Amino acid sequence: MANVKENKLAYAANINNKSIVQGLNSTAQGQTESSKGVIIECVPGAFKNTAEAASDYLPPLPPDDTHLYTLRVYGLDVDHVDLPKHFSLTDLNQKIIRHTVGEHELHFWYKPN
């Protein structure tokens, strides 16, 4: 997601707040390292969605066992980033590279029940 101005988001904020732009998640069709800079084949044979469906929030959903997730938050010196609907990771990086004043990564392990 991009253009999030709050420190905390309510449930379904990604749907209800139209100023928030959502990028493609790992279920998008046709996104590969060579075409858009997004690696999605980390789950071989995983389901693939249309760009519309792949832009929705996808909670941790490991394929079988414990899986490592990484969340990255960027602090920018601008209030708004002009990104297209269904932006890719490459689109995001190209837009924010000159505006990033800080970033933080959170790594966590998640195991399905």
C-alpha atoms as a PDB file:
ATOM      1  CA  MET A   1       0.000   0.000   0.000  1.00  0.00           C
ATOM      2  CA  ALA A   2       1.102   3.567  -0.587  1.00  0.00           C
ATOM      3  CA  ASN A   3      -0.034   7.008   0.546  1.00  0.00           C
ATOM      4  CA  VAL A   4      -0.852   5.807   4.070  1.00  0.00           C
ATOM      5  CA  LYS A   5      -0.787   8.870   6.312  1.00  0.00           C
ATOM      6  CA  GLU A   6      -1.963   7.343   9.583  1.00  0.00           C
ATOM      7  CA  ASN A   7       0.153   5.434  12.089  1.00  0.00           C
ATOM      8  CA  LYS A   8      -2.603   2.879  12.475  1.00  0.00           C
ATOM      9  CA  LEU A   9      -5.212   1.635  10.007  1.00  0.00           C
ATOM     10  CA  ALA A  10      -8.705   0.434  10.792  1.00  0.00           C
ATOM     11  CA  TYR A  11      -9.989  -2.848   9.435  1.00  0.00           C
ATOM     12  CA  ALA A  12     -10.795  -2.487   5.702  1.00  0.00           C
ATOM     13  CA  ALA A  13      -9.027   0.886   5.474  1.00  0.00           C
ATOM     14  CA  ASN A  14      -7.424  -0.331   2.273  1.00  0.00           C
ATOM     15  CA  ILE A  15     -10.919  -0.596   0.768  1.00  0.00           C
ATOM     16  CA  ASN A  16     -12.646   2.392   2.358  1.00  0.00           C
ATOM     17  CA  ASN A  17      -9.869   5.004   2.088  1.00  0.00           C
ATOM     18  CA  LYS A  18      -9.614   5.884  -1.611  1.00  0.00           C
ATOM     19  CA  SER A  19      -6.380   7.874  -1.134  1.00  0.00           C
ATOM     20  CA  ILE A  20      -4.554   4.639  -0.306  1.00  0.00           C
ATOM     21  CA  VAL A  21      -3.171   3.031  -3.464  1.00  0.00           C
ATOM     22  CA  GLN A  22      -2.627  -0.705  -3.448  1.00  0.00           C
ATOM     23  CA  GLY A  23       0.101  -2.512  -5.327  1.00  0.00           C
ATOM     24  CA  LEU A  24       0.206  -6.033  -6.642  1.00  0.00           C
ATOM     25  CA  ASN A  25       0.690  -8.846  -4.173  1.00  0.00           C
ATOM     26  CA  SER A  26       2.352 -12.191  -4.783  1.00  0.00           C
ATOM     27  CA  THR A  27      -0.734 -13.766  -6.366  1.00  0.00           C
ATOM     28  CA  ALA A  28      -0.566 -11.584  -9.509  1.00  0.00           C
ATOM     29  CA  GLN A  29      -0.325 -13.287 -12.871  1.00  0.00           C
ATOM     30  CA  GLY A  30       2.711 -12.704 -15.038  1.00  0.00           C
ATOM     31  CA  GLN A  31       4.842 -10.807 -12.527  1.00  0.00           C
ATOM     32  CA  THR A  32       8.337 -12.236 -12.615  1.00  0.00           C
ATOM     33  CA  GLU A  33      11.812 -11.084 -11.752  1.00  0.00           C
ATOM     34  CA  SER A  34      12.527 -10.258 -15.391  1.00  0.00           C
ATOM     35  CA  SER A  35       9.279  -8.475 -16.277  1.00  0.00           C
ATOM     36  CA  LYS A  36       8.471  -6.260 -13.294  1.00  0.00           C
ATOM     37  CA  GLY A  37      11.084  -6.908 -10.639  1.00  0.00           C
ATOM     38  CA  VAL A  38       8.644  -8.772  -8.420  1.00  0.00           C
ATOM     39  CA  ILE A  39       9.465 -12.349  -7.519  1.00  0.00           C
ATOM     40  CA  ILE A  40       6.261 -14.303  -7.024  1.00  0.00           C
ATOM     41  CA  GLU A  41       7.292 -17.866  -7.700  1.00  0.00           C
ATOM     42  CA  CYS A  42       8.385 -18.445  -4.106  1.00  0.00           C
ATOM     43  CA  VAL A  43       5.373 -20.744  -3.799  1.00  0.00           C
ATOM     44  CA  PRO A  44       5.619 -23.031  -6.854  1.00  0.00           C
ATOM     45  CA  GLY A  45       2.213 -23.785  -8.275  1.00  0.00           C
ATOM     46  CA  ALA A  46       0.518 -21.177  -6.099  1.00  0.00           C
ATOM     47  CA  PHE A  47      -2.761 -19.716  -7.254  1.00  0.00           C
ATOM     48  CA  LYS A  48      -2.570 -16.605  -9.435  1.00  0.00           C
ATOM     49  CA  ASN A  49      -5.102 -13.782  -9.584  1.00  0.00           C
ATOM     50  CA  THR A  50      -6.023 -10.962 -11.905  1.00  0.00           C
ATOM     51  CA  ALA A  51      -4.398  -7.582 -11.180  1.00  0.00           C
ATOM     52  CA  GLU A  52      -7.633  -6.416  -9.525  1.00  0.00           C
ATOM     53  CA  ALA A  53      -7.747  -9.360  -7.117  1.00  0.00           C
ATOM     54  CA  ALA A  54      -3.976  -9.308  -6.565  1.00  0.00           C
ATOM     55  CA  SER A  55      -4.173  -5.738  -5.292  1.00  0.00           C
ATOM     56  CA  ASP A  56      -6.139  -6.675  -2.205  1.00  0.00           C
ATOM     57  CA  TYR A  57      -4.532  -7.181   1.184  1.00  0.00           C
ATOM     58  CA  LEU A  58      -3.307 -10.731   1.576  1.00  0.00           C
ATOM     59  CA  PRO A  59      -2.619 -11.855   5.147  1.00  0.00           C
ATOM     60  CA  PRO A  60       0.219 -14.242   5.975  1.00  0.00           C
ATOM     61  CA  LEU A  61      -0.637 -17.463   4.183  1.00  0.00           C
ATOM     62  CA  PRO A  62       2.304 -19.875   4.215  1.00  0.00           C
ATOM     63  CA  PRO A  63       1.953 -22.794   1.820  1.00  0.00           C
ATOM     64  CA  ASP A  64       2.734 -25.546   4.290  1.00  0.00           C
ATOM     65  CA  ASP A  65       5.004 -24.861   7.251  1.00  0.00           C
ATOM     66  CA  THR A  66       6.614 -21.958   9.087  1.00  0.00           C
ATOM     67  CA  HIS A  67       7.357 -19.102   6.676  1.00  0.00           C
ATOM     68  CA  LEU A  68       9.396 -15.909   7.069  1.00  0.00           C
ATOM     69  CA  TYR A  69       7.632 -12.633   6.205  1.00  0.00           C
ATOM     70  CA  THR A  70       9.177  -9.196   5.812  1.00  0.00           C
ATOM     71  CA  LEU A  71       7.327  -5.894   6.149  1.00  0.00           C
ATOM     72  CA  ARG A  72       9.118  -2.735   5.052  1.00  0.00           C
ATOM     73  CA  VAL A  73       7.925   0.761   5.971  1.00  0.00           C
ATOM     74  CA  TYR A  74       9.389   3.845   4.278  1.00  0.00           C
ATOM     75  CA  GLY A  75       9.433   7.395   5.625  1.00  0.00           C
ATOM     76  CA  LEU A  76       9.261   9.937   2.805  1.00  0.00           C
ATOM     77  CA  ASP A  77       9.788  13.685   2.515  1.00  0.00           C
ATOM     78  CA  VAL A  78       6.579  14.023   0.451  1.00  0.00           C
ATOM     79  CA  ASP A  79       2.924  13.607   1.455  1.00  0.00           C
ATOM     80  CA  HIS A  80       1.819  11.783  -1.685  1.00  0.00           C
ATOM     81  CA  VAL A  81       3.404   9.447  -4.229  1.00  0.00           C
ATOM     82  CA  ASP A  82       1.813   9.328  -7.675  1.00  0.00           C
ATOM     83  CA  LEU A  83       1.520   5.591  -8.274  1.00  0.00           C
ATOM     84  CA  PRO A  84      -0.782   3.770 -10.680  1.00  0.00           C
ATOM     85  CA  LYS A  85      -3.458   1.397  -9.439  1.00  0.00           C
ATOM     86  CA  HIS A  86      -1.925  -2.091  -9.156  1.00  0.00           C
ATOM     87  CA  PHE A  87       1.627  -0.706  -8.959  1.00  0.00           C
ATOM     88  CA  SER A  88       4.551  -3.122  -8.836  1.00  0.00           C
ATOM     89  CA  LEU A  89       7.489  -3.104  -6.445  1.00  0.00           C
ATOM     90  CA  THR A  90       9.602  -1.632  -9.259  1.00  0.00           C
ATOM     91  CA  ASP A  91       7.072   1.201  -9.747  1.00  0.00           C
ATOM     92  CA  LEU A  92       7.218   1.958  -6.023  1.00  0.00           C
ATOM     93  CA  ASN A  93      11.010   1.920  -5.827  1.00  0.00           C
ATOM     94  CA  GLN A  94      11.383   4.233  -8.834  1.00  0.00           C
ATOM     95  CA  LYS A  95       8.982   6.781  -7.316  1.00  0.00           C
ATOM     96  CA  ILE A  96      10.373   6.842  -3.769  1.00  0.00           C
ATOM     97  CA  ILE A  97      14.124   6.441  -4.257  1.00  0.00           C
ATOM     98  CA  ARG A  98      14.800  10.203  -4.100  1.00  0.00           C
ATOM     99  CA  HIS A  99      12.254  10.848  -1.337  1.00  0.00           C
ATOM    100  CA  THR A 100      13.160   8.178   1.235  1.00  0.00           C
ATOM    101  CA  VAL A 101      14.389   9.671   4.518  1.00  0.00           C
ATOM    102  CA  GLY A 102      14.128   6.468   6.532  1.00  0.00           C
ATOM    103  CA  GLU A 103      13.005   2.877   6.390  1.00  0.00           C
ATOM    104  CA  HIS A 104      12.425   0.019   8.790  1.00  0.00           C
ATOM    105  CA  GLU A 105      12.058  -3.695   8.252  1.00  0.00           C
ATOM    106  CA  LEU A 106      10.149  -6.095  10.438  1.00  0.00           C
ATOM    107  CA  HIS A 107      10.755  -9.819  10.014  1.00  0.00           C
ATOM    108  CA  PHE A 108       8.453 -12.389  11.528  1.00  0.00           C
ATOM    109  CA  TRP A 109       7.808 -16.096  11.299  1.00  0.00           C
ATOM    110  CA  TYR A 110       4.277 -17.386  10.827  1.00  0.00           C
ATOM    111  CA  LYS A 111       3.049 -20.962  10.931  1.00  0.00           C
ATOM    112  CA  PRO A 112      -0.459 -22.036   9.926  1.00  0.00           C
ATOM    113  CA  ASN A 113      -2.540 -23.925  12.465  1.00  0.00           C
END
